[in-house]
Amino acid sequence: MNVTTLSPRALLSLLANGTKAMDVVETALRLGLLDALEPGAETGTRTDTRTDSVSLSDLSVRLGVVPGRLYKMLDCLESLGFVHREQSGDDLGLVRYRAVPGLRQAAEAVAGPGSLERDRDRYPWRLLHGRLADVLRGEMSIPAATFGWPPRDEERLADFEQSMAAGLGPVIETFRAHAGRLWGERALRLLDVGGGDGTLAAHLLAGSPALQVDVFNLPAAEPLVGRTRKESGLGGRLGFVAGDFLDGPLPDGYDALSFVRVLHDWPVSTARALLRKAHAALVPDGRILICEEFRTPDRLAGQFFWSYFLMGVDSCVSRLYEIEHYARLLEESGFRDVTVLPGPFELITATR
């Protein structure tokens, strides 16, 4: 079952029980039920979950729980679309279950200690809860002192960049998969525009000895990048250039220039202006790299938090666009050879 195929009434019923649903998932992860339903998921040596299944009797013995109660727990997981049930006859002990592929990994990502969802709870979204009508009428907002752009002090900036770094895993994986194509063994200079605290730059440098990366960010971010430089031992290969990409041109003379989870935060007119600045800043035949959460049903679901939270913030907007949107903007800005490289987050490249 796919929850997206449910009727509106049934889907809303599940949403109304969201807290209970997360209690079920967190308990299943903690007890080891998800490991039992998807053997090998934790170690990356999982079996073929399309054919492998386990009986309720075996599950209850392994976990030390009451079979009849576990049956109801598994009903909850089935209602969420997370497990498939095979039942013939009335003997509950013989009912067999198998997890949808990737369930254990997804549960760890969402409900584990390092999850992005837990990180987002550091934001003051609760100020909006129950007051969305006031927010939509413009009568209530997230206070600028609590969240605004640019961050009002170094502490706020550090918190913001820490949160952004927490979600870099898919980006790093994509860049790592295409490192040979992007950098090879050539000595290249990359400008990472809005590159946060340098976490992404450090990962790129670790896998490409000939690469040099400068992070372009607000002046207050320099100590954050300095800390990353010190912790990574990258020395002068990880540089920093202070500036505001909304104000004035971008630093020039770079072989490559990247926008990673940057452009979707701004109106189309601003994104277009940034791409034209990038075109002017790159050397002839230089390459631009765009890595975003391009719009898909899964990513739109993951975007729910930011769409909710940013209703109360007027200084920025987080938009998810299709890949084709950025391809058009690149061509309009004078770039050629637009290419989409696959990965957890797709990577768009184009040449000046």
Foldseek 3Di string as FASTA:
>chain_A
DALVPDDPVLNVVCVVCVVVLLVLLLVCLVLCVQCVQFPPPVVVPTDDLVPDKDFLLVSCVVSVHDSVVVVVSVVSCVSNVFKDWDDDDDPRRGIIIHGDPPSNVVSCQPVNPLHLVVLLVVAVLVVCPPPVVCLLVVNAFDDVQRPAPPHPDLVVLLSVLVSVLSPCVQVLFQCLVCVCVPCNQAQFEEEEEQCRLCPSVLSSCVRHVNYAYEYEEAPSSVVSVVVVCVVSVVPRSYHYDHDDLQPDADAADGLEYEYEQHLQFADPVSSLVSLLSVVVRYDAFRKYKYWHQADDVVVVVVCVSVQSRCSRYDNTDGHHHHPVSVVVSNVVSPWDDWDWRDTPTIMIMTTD
